[in-house]
C-alpha atoms as a PDB file:
ATOM      1  CA  LEU A   1     -11.647   6.022   0.661  1.00  0.00           C
ATOM      2  CA  ARG A   2      -8.825   7.833   2.436  1.00  0.00           C
ATOM      3  CA  ASP A   3      -6.180   5.615   0.793  1.00  0.00           C
ATOM      4  CA  PHE A   4      -7.777   6.146  -2.624  1.00  0.00           C
ATOM      5  CA  LEU A   5      -7.732   9.916  -2.150  1.00  0.00           C
ATOM      6  CA  LEU A   6      -4.095   9.847  -1.032  1.00  0.00           C
ATOM      7  CA  VAL A   7      -3.107   7.865  -4.133  1.00  0.00           C
ATOM      8  CA  TYR A   8      -5.160  10.158  -6.379  1.00  0.00           C
ATOM      9  CA  ASN A   9      -3.635  13.309  -4.863  1.00  0.00           C
ATOM     10  CA  ARG A  10      -0.103  11.926  -5.134  1.00  0.00           C
ATOM     11  CA  MET A  11      -0.677  10.912  -8.765  1.00  0.00           C
ATOM     12  CA  THR A  12      -2.075  14.360  -9.581  1.00  0.00           C
ATOM     13  CA  GLU A  13       0.904  16.076  -7.985  1.00  0.00           C
ATOM     14  CA  LEU A  14       3.476  13.866  -9.734  1.00  0.00           C
ATOM     15  CA  CYS A  15       1.917  14.233 -13.168  1.00  0.00           C
ATOM     16  CA  PHE A  16       1.376  17.981 -12.768  1.00  0.00           C
ATOM     17  CA  ARG A  17       5.000  18.562 -11.777  1.00  0.00           C
ATOM     18  CA  HIS A  18       6.234  16.359 -14.610  1.00  0.00           C
ATOM     19  CA  CYS A  19       4.013  17.676 -17.409  1.00  0.00           C
ATOM     20  CA  VAL A  20       2.945  21.275 -16.738  1.00  0.00           C
ATOM     21  CA  CYS A  21       5.823  23.633 -17.271  1.00  0.00           C
ATOM     22  CA  ASN A  22       4.110  26.876 -18.290  1.00  0.00           C
ATOM     23  CA  LEU A  23       1.535  28.514 -16.024  1.00  0.00           C
ATOM     24  CA  ASN A  24       1.031  31.565 -18.243  1.00  0.00           C
ATOM     25  CA  TYR A  25      -2.147  30.153 -19.824  1.00  0.00           C
ATOM     26  CA  ARG A  26      -5.443  29.104 -18.302  1.00  0.00           C
ATOM     27  CA  LEU A  27      -5.815  26.037 -20.550  1.00  0.00           C
ATOM     28  CA  LEU A  28      -3.398  23.184 -21.065  1.00  0.00           C
ATOM     29  CA  THR A  29      -1.397  22.994 -24.255  1.00  0.00           C
ATOM     30  CA  GLY A  30      -1.800  19.912 -26.424  1.00  0.00           C
ATOM     31  CA  ARG A  31       1.617  18.670 -25.354  1.00  0.00           C
ATOM     32  CA  GLU A  32       0.797  19.090 -21.652  1.00  0.00           C
ATOM     33  CA  GLU A  33      -2.548  17.355 -22.062  1.00  0.00           C
ATOM     34  CA  SER A  34      -1.074  14.331 -23.822  1.00  0.00           C
ATOM     35  CA  CYS A  35       1.714  14.159 -21.243  1.00  0.00           C
ATOM     36  CA  LEU A  36      -0.835  14.198 -18.410  1.00  0.00           C
ATOM     37  CA  ASP A  37      -2.916  11.495 -20.105  1.00  0.00           C
ATOM     38  CA  SER A  38       0.049   9.175 -20.532  1.00  0.00           C
ATOM     39  CA  CYS A  39       1.388   9.917 -17.036  1.00  0.00           C
ATOM     40  CA  ALA A  40      -1.951   9.156 -15.383  1.00  0.00           C
ATOM     41  CA  ALA A  41      -2.445   6.017 -17.480  1.00  0.00           C
ATOM     42  CA  ARG A  42       1.037   4.774 -16.580  1.00  0.00           C
ATOM     43  CA  LEU A  43       0.446   5.315 -12.852  1.00  0.00           C
ATOM     44  CA  VAL A  44      -3.017   3.701 -12.966  1.00  0.00           C
ATOM     45  CA  ARG A  45      -1.568   0.616 -14.723  1.00  0.00           C
ATOM     46  CA  ALA A  46       1.201   0.402 -12.129  1.00  0.00           C
ATOM     47  CA  ASN A  47      -1.351   0.713  -9.317  1.00  0.00           C
ATOM     48  CA  HIS A  48      -3.504  -2.053 -10.847  1.00  0.00           C
ATOM     49  CA  ARG A  49      -0.471  -4.361 -11.105  1.00  0.00           C
ATOM     50  CA  LEU A  50       0.467  -3.595  -7.514  1.00  0.00           C
ATOM     51  CA  MET A  51      -3.064  -4.249  -6.258  1.00  0.00           C
ATOM     52  CA  GLY A  52      -3.207  -7.500  -8.258  1.00  0.00           C
ATOM     53  CA  ALA A  53      -0.020  -8.704  -6.593  1.00  0.00           C
ATOM     54  CA  TYR A  54      -1.337  -7.640  -3.189  1.00  0.00           C
ATOM     55  CA  VAL A  55      -4.636  -9.478  -3.690  1.00  0.00           C
ATOM     56  CA  GLY A  56      -2.663 -12.575  -4.677  1.00  0.00           C
ATOM     57  CA  LEU A  57      -0.565 -12.425  -1.489  1.00  0.00           C
ATOM     58  CA  VAL A  58      -3.303 -11.653   1.047  1.00  0.00           C
ATOM     59  CA  PRO A  59      -4.731 -15.212   1.318  1.00  0.00           C
ATOM     60  CA  ALA A  60      -1.261 -16.648   2.037  1.00  0.00           C
ATOM     61  CA  LEU A  61      -0.573 -13.936   4.635  1.00  0.00           C
ATOM     62  CA  LEU A  62      -3.904 -14.533   6.355  1.00  0.00           C
ATOM     63  CA  GLN A  63      -3.340 -18.287   6.342  1.00  0.00           C
ATOM     64  CA  ARG A  64       0.117 -17.904   7.860  1.00  0.00           C
ATOM     65  CA  ARG A  65      -1.190 -15.484  10.494  1.00  0.00           C
ATOM     66  CA  ALA A  66      -3.982 -17.925  11.394  1.00  0.00           C
ATOM     67  CA  ALA A  67      -1.451 -20.767  11.675  1.00  0.00           C
ATOM     68  CA  GLU A  68       0.785 -18.653  13.928  1.00  0.00           C
ATOM     69  CA  HIS A  69      -2.197 -17.705  16.053  1.00  0.00           C
ATOM     70  CA  GLY A  70      -3.229 -21.374  16.318  1.00  0.00           C
ATOM     71  CA  ALA A  71       0.304 -22.392  17.336  1.00  0.00           C
ATOM     72  CA  ALA A  72       0.388 -19.679  20.012  1.00  0.00           C
ATOM     73  CA  ALA A  73      -2.791 -21.087  21.599  1.00  0.00           C
ATOM     74  CA  GLY A  74      -2.408 -23.995  24.004  1.00  0.00           C
ATOM     75  CA  PRO A  75      -4.259 -27.307  23.634  1.00  0.00           C
ATOM     76  CA  SER A  76      -7.308 -25.860  25.419  1.00  0.00           C
ATOM     77  CA  GLY A  77      -7.471 -23.032  22.900  1.00  0.00           C
ATOM     78  CA  LEU A  78      -6.230 -20.530  25.462  1.00  0.00           C
ATOM     79  CA  PRO A  79      -3.059 -18.582  24.789  1.00  0.00           C
ATOM     80  CA  ALA A  80       0.067 -20.362  25.961  1.00  0.00           C
ATOM     81  CA  SER A  81       1.691 -18.924  29.080  1.00  0.00           C
ATOM     82  CA  PRO A  82       4.501 -16.540  28.224  1.00  0.00           C
ATOM     83  CA  GLU A  83       8.036 -17.724  28.846  1.00  0.00           C
ATOM     84  CA  PRO A  84       9.886 -15.957  31.656  1.00  0.00           C
ATOM     85  CA  ALA A  85      12.070 -13.094  30.515  1.00  0.00           C
ATOM     86  CA  PRO A  86      15.814 -13.790  30.618  1.00  0.00           C
ATOM     87  CA  GLY A  87      17.677 -11.976  33.350  1.00  0.00           C
ATOM     88  CA  PRO A  88      18.523 -12.192  37.017  1.00  0.00           C
ATOM     89  CA  ALA A  89      16.049 -14.144  39.144  1.00  0.00           C
ATOM     90  CA  GLY A  90      13.928 -12.240  41.638  1.00  0.00           C
ATOM     91  CA  SER A  91      13.954  -8.928  39.815  1.00  0.00           C
END
């Protein structure tokens, strides 16, 4: 919910700054309204494309992370012992 609200607030701010140029009237002009509609639609389409790409990548990322986690575990399923840090002995 927080991420959605951040995206919504950012979209509102961008479109307002781009489209509303006259604050002398309470209501939007026709030009401002159509600009806001197209701006919001453009950003929503871009967000949907981005989320579609993200959803397509998540399974591969999770699979790779699981494989890395499995490789880090020893044969008994316990984490492998860490390698000693390089440096002078006895420090």
